[in-house]
Amino acid sequence: MSKESRYEQLMRARFEKDEMSYAEENDFFFLLDAPAQYGNEEEMLEYILNHEQASLAEIMEFFDSITPDGLPPGMTEEDLMDDEDD
């Protein structure tokens, strides 16, 4: 069993106790895992630390704003640029 990151711990502490709709629950689980896969977990941690009242929707908006379009999980923006050059 892997240890949860500080980001994951904070997200769970902030949102897991709340009643959520189906869509919000999907967003929560996506936001719990995706930042590590996309390599932007540090930016996400900084955002939630600096925006303690941010809703799941606001956190999702921020994630979308820092994740390049078309970037599959596990790839960096540089990997995407290399693929375009081929």
Protein backbone atom coordinates (compact mmCIF):
# COMPACT_ATOMS: atom_id res chain seq x y z
CA MET A 1 0.00 0.00 0.00
CA SER A 2 1.48 3.33 -1.01
CA LYS A 3 1.50 6.31 1.30
CA GLU A 4 -0.79 9.18 0.36
CA SER A 5 0.80 12.47 -0.58
CA ARG A 6 0.13 15.64 1.38
CA TYR A 7 -2.09 16.82 -1.46
CA GLU A 8 -4.21 13.66 -1.28
CA GLN A 9 -4.45 13.91 2.51
CA LEU A 10 -5.60 17.54 2.33
CA MET A 11 -8.15 16.78 -0.37
CA ARG A 12 -9.59 13.91 1.69
CA ALA A 13 -9.68 16.01 4.86
CA ARG A 14 -11.40 18.86 3.08
CA PHE A 15 -13.97 17.02 0.96
CA GLU A 16 -14.42 13.39 1.96
CA LYS A 17 -16.73 14.18 4.85
CA ASP A 18 -19.10 16.29 2.75
CA GLU A 19 -22.24 15.02 1.06
CA MET A 20 -21.53 14.98 -2.66
CA SER A 21 -23.55 14.54 -5.78
CA TYR A 22 -22.52 11.81 -8.20
CA ALA A 23 -20.76 14.37 -10.43
CA GLU A 24 -18.94 15.93 -7.47
CA GLU A 25 -17.84 12.50 -6.27
CA ASN A 26 -16.43 11.75 -9.74
CA ASP A 27 -14.57 15.08 -9.72
CA PHE A 28 -13.23 14.35 -6.22
CA PHE A 29 -11.80 10.96 -7.17
CA PHE A 30 -10.39 12.36 -10.41
CA LEU A 31 -8.72 15.24 -8.56
CA LEU A 32 -7.37 12.86 -5.96
CA ASP A 33 -5.36 10.86 -8.53
CA ALA A 34 -4.90 12.93 -11.68
CA PRO A 35 -2.36 15.52 -10.49
CA ALA A 36 0.22 12.82 -9.69
CA GLN A 37 -0.35 11.23 -13.11
CA TYR A 38 -0.04 14.55 -14.92
CA GLY A 39 2.97 15.71 -12.92
CA ASN A 40 1.37 18.83 -11.50
CA GLU A 41 0.63 17.70 -7.94
CA GLU A 42 2.97 20.32 -6.43
CA GLU A 43 1.06 23.14 -8.17
CA MET A 44 -2.23 21.62 -7.03
CA LEU A 45 -0.99 21.38 -3.44
CA GLU A 46 0.09 25.01 -3.52
CA TYR A 47 -3.31 26.02 -4.90
CA ILE A 48 -5.36 24.21 -2.25
CA LEU A 49 -3.08 25.51 0.52
CA ASN A 50 -3.57 29.08 -0.71
CA HIS A 51 -7.30 28.70 -1.44
CA GLU A 52 -8.73 27.01 1.63
CA GLN A 53 -12.32 27.81 0.69
CA ALA A 54 -12.05 26.64 -2.92
CA SER A 55 -14.83 24.33 -4.08
CA LEU A 56 -14.24 21.13 -6.03
CA ALA A 57 -15.37 22.99 -9.15
CA GLU A 58 -12.80 25.74 -8.56
CA ILE A 59 -10.04 23.20 -7.96
CA MET A 60 -11.04 21.38 -11.16
CA GLU A 61 -10.92 24.70 -13.06
CA PHE A 62 -7.40 25.32 -11.76
CA PHE A 63 -6.30 21.80 -12.71
CA ASP A 64 -7.67 22.32 -16.22
CA SER A 65 -5.85 25.65 -16.48
CA ILE A 66 -2.42 24.14 -15.69
CA THR A 67 -2.80 20.90 -17.67
CA PRO A 68 -2.14 21.22 -21.41
CA ASP A 69 -4.96 20.12 -23.71
CA GLY A 70 -4.42 16.70 -25.21
CA LEU A 71 -1.88 15.63 -22.61
CA PRO A 72 -2.38 11.96 -21.71
CA PRO A 73 -1.66 10.92 -18.10
CA GLY A 74 2.00 10.13 -17.49
CA MET A 75 3.30 12.40 -20.27
CA THR A 76 4.92 15.78 -19.90
CA GLU A 77 4.29 18.76 -22.13
CA GLU A 78 7.78 18.14 -23.60
CA ASP A 79 6.77 14.56 -24.53
CA LEU A 80 3.74 15.97 -26.35
CA MET A 81 5.93 18.43 -28.25
CA ASP A 82 8.30 15.59 -29.25
CA ASP A 83 5.38 13.59 -30.64
CA GLU A 84 4.27 16.57 -32.75
CA ASP A 85 7.76 16.82 -34.27
CA ASP A 86 7.64 13.21 -35.55
